[in-house]
Amino acid sequence: MNYDLNEFKTVLSLRIDWSEMDLFGHVNNVEFFKYMQASRVNYWDEIGLTHSFRDLKIGPMLASASCQFKKTLFYPGQIKVLARIDFIKNTSFGLTHLILNENNELAGIGTDIVVLYDYNINQKMPIPIDIRNAIHLREGKIFDTTA
């Protein structure tokens, strides 16, 4: 699958740490999920979900995460994790993360499904309009939520 990198408005740069290496001399697969987590939380910060959780106890809950490993990563190195929203539904949205090595080669493709959750009453809830609007603004497009 080919991706247009210009469609990914959120970019997080990270340094590969020595501790992320495994016995085989490359970055362990678990670290790819940590890179996705850093990217996900960065995205949540940018659209106001972190603030919403702190103030209202309404925030995200990760429903699923997956990763396709495309290229090995090594120490020392730098990576970029690009993120975009792929869909918004009533109570959930989907994120794609591209993990690029320092040569801008695709090392991993991650996907998340995130549910908006009201931690006060312990149940999922519809995504509020202000969060939807923040996503639309961040992504530069309006999502069809009826699909």
Protein backbone atom coordinates (compact mmCIF):
# COMPACT_ATOMS: atom_id res chain seq x y z
CA MET A 1 0.00 0.00 0.00
CA ASN A 2 1.34 3.42 -0.94
CA TYR A 3 0.83 6.39 1.34
CA ASP A 4 0.92 10.07 0.48
CA LEU A 5 3.09 11.46 3.29
CA ASN A 6 1.47 14.89 2.79
CA GLU A 7 -1.77 13.43 4.17
CA PHE A 8 -0.09 12.96 7.55
CA LYS A 9 -0.26 16.34 9.31
CA THR A 10 1.07 15.17 12.68
CA VAL A 11 4.77 14.25 12.89
CA LEU A 12 6.68 13.14 15.98
CA SER A 13 10.48 12.80 15.85
CA LEU A 14 12.11 10.29 18.20
CA ARG A 15 15.63 9.07 18.87
CA ILE A 16 16.21 5.32 18.95
CA ASP A 17 17.62 4.42 22.35
CA TRP A 18 20.17 1.67 23.02
CA SER A 19 17.72 0.05 25.46
CA GLU A 20 15.28 -0.59 22.59
CA MET A 21 17.61 -3.13 20.99
CA ASP A 22 17.10 -6.86 21.36
CA LEU A 23 19.41 -9.87 21.36
CA PHE A 24 19.49 -9.85 17.55
CA GLY A 25 20.91 -6.32 17.34
CA HIS A 26 17.85 -4.47 16.08
CA VAL A 27 14.95 -2.58 17.63
CA ASN A 28 12.58 -5.03 19.32
CA ASN A 29 9.07 -5.31 17.88
CA VAL A 30 7.54 -4.14 21.18
CA GLU A 31 9.23 -0.77 20.70
CA PHE A 32 7.23 -0.18 17.51
CA PHE A 33 4.10 -0.25 19.68
CA LYS A 34 5.74 2.24 22.05
CA TYR A 35 6.48 4.54 19.10
CA MET A 36 2.82 4.26 18.09
CA GLN A 37 1.78 5.04 21.67
CA ALA A 38 3.93 8.17 21.71
CA SER A 39 2.40 9.23 18.38
CA ARG A 40 -1.14 8.47 19.58
CA VAL A 41 -0.74 10.48 22.79
CA ASN A 42 0.86 13.32 20.83
CA TYR A 43 -2.20 13.33 18.54
CA TRP A 44 -4.56 13.29 21.54
CA ASP A 45 -2.71 16.30 22.96
CA GLU A 46 -3.10 18.18 19.67
CA ILE A 47 -6.87 17.66 19.43
CA GLY A 48 -7.61 18.37 23.10
CA LEU A 49 -8.35 14.87 24.39
CA THR A 50 -5.68 15.01 27.08
CA HIS A 51 -7.11 18.30 28.36
CA SER A 52 -10.64 16.86 28.23
CA PHE A 53 -9.59 13.92 30.39
CA ARG A 54 -7.87 16.13 32.95
CA ASP A 55 -10.83 18.50 33.25
CA LEU A 56 -13.87 16.30 32.67
CA LYS A 57 -12.65 12.69 32.98
CA ILE A 58 -13.79 12.22 29.36
CA GLY A 59 -11.05 10.85 27.19
CA PRO A 60 -9.73 8.18 24.89
CA MET A 61 -9.54 4.45 25.43
CA LEU A 62 -7.55 2.30 23.05
CA ALA A 63 -9.79 -0.45 21.64
CA SER A 64 -7.23 -2.08 19.34
CA ALA A 65 -3.73 -1.62 17.95
CA SER A 66 -1.86 -3.49 15.26
CA CYS A 67 1.46 -3.11 13.48
CA GLN A 68 2.98 -4.37 10.25
CA PHE A 69 6.75 -4.52 10.43
CA LYS A 70 8.33 -3.46 7.14
CA LYS A 71 11.99 -2.70 7.85
CA THR A 72 14.39 -3.25 10.71
CA LEU A 73 15.48 -0.31 12.84
CA PHE A 74 18.88 0.03 14.50
CA TYR A 75 20.70 2.07 17.12
CA PRO A 76 21.89 4.75 16.70
CA GLY A 77 19.10 6.26 14.71
CA GLN A 78 16.28 8.71 14.42
CA ILE A 79 12.71 7.96 13.43
CA LYS A 80 9.63 9.94 12.56
CA VAL A 81 6.15 8.73 13.37
CA LEU A 82 3.49 10.26 11.16
CA ALA A 83 -0.17 10.10 12.20
CA ARG A 84 -3.52 10.74 10.59
CA ILE A 85 -7.16 9.99 11.25
CA ASP A 86 -8.70 7.54 8.79
CA PHE A 87 -12.32 7.57 9.99
CA ILE A 88 -14.60 8.97 12.64
CA LYS A 89 -17.72 7.12 13.78
CA ASN A 90 -20.19 7.96 16.54
CA THR A 91 -18.03 6.84 19.49
CA SER A 92 -14.71 5.92 17.84
CA PHE A 93 -12.05 6.97 15.37
CA GLY A 94 -9.20 5.25 13.59
CA LEU A 95 -5.57 6.35 13.45
CA THR A 96 -2.81 5.25 11.09
CA HIS A 97 0.84 5.67 12.07
CA LEU A 98 3.75 5.46 9.66
CA ILE A 99 7.11 4.79 11.27
CA LEU A 100 9.91 6.10 9.05
CA ASN A 101 13.63 5.56 9.52
CA GLU A 102 16.15 8.39 9.10
CA ASN A 103 16.20 7.76 5.33
CA ASN A 104 12.39 8.23 5.18
CA GLU A 105 11.96 4.52 4.47
CA LEU A 106 8.83 2.87 5.81
CA ALA A 107 9.75 0.71 8.81
CA GLY A 108 6.27 0.07 10.20
CA ILE A 109 2.57 0.74 9.68
CA GLY A 110 0.41 0.93 12.76
CA THR A 111 -3.35 1.19 13.11
CA ASP A 112 -5.37 2.07 16.19
CA ILE A 113 -9.04 2.20 16.98
CA VAL A 114 -9.78 4.64 19.77
CA VAL A 115 -13.08 4.89 21.64
CA LEU A 116 -14.16 8.01 23.48
CA TYR A 117 -14.89 7.06 27.06
CA ASP A 118 -16.62 8.75 29.98
CA TYR A 119 -14.55 7.65 32.96
CA ASN A 120 -17.12 9.16 35.36
CA ILE A 121 -19.73 6.56 34.43
CA ASN A 122 -17.44 3.93 32.86
CA GLN A 123 -18.96 3.76 29.42
CA LYS A 124 -18.22 4.85 25.87
CA MET A 125 -19.82 8.02 24.64
CA PRO A 126 -20.38 9.96 21.41
CA ILE A 127 -17.44 12.09 20.28
CA PRO A 128 -18.30 15.73 21.14
CA ILE A 129 -18.46 18.30 18.37
CA ASP A 130 -15.45 20.24 19.69
CA ILE A 131 -13.24 17.13 19.40
CA ARG A 132 -14.66 16.36 15.94
CA ASN A 133 -13.97 19.92 14.85
CA ALA A 134 -10.41 19.74 16.23
CA ILE A 135 -9.84 16.58 14.18
CA HIS A 136 -11.33 18.18 11.04
CA LEU A 137 -9.13 21.22 11.53
CA ARG A 138 -6.00 19.14 12.23
CA GLU A 139 -6.59 16.90 9.21
CA GLY A 140 -7.74 19.69 6.90
CA LYS A 141 -10.89 17.84 5.89
CA ILE A 142 -14.38 16.93 7.06
CA PHE A 143 -15.03 13.25 7.73
CA ASP A 144 -18.25 11.54 6.75
CA THR A 145 -19.44 10.07 10.04
CA THR A 146 -22.39 8.22 8.49
CA ALA A 147 -20.21 5.61 6.77
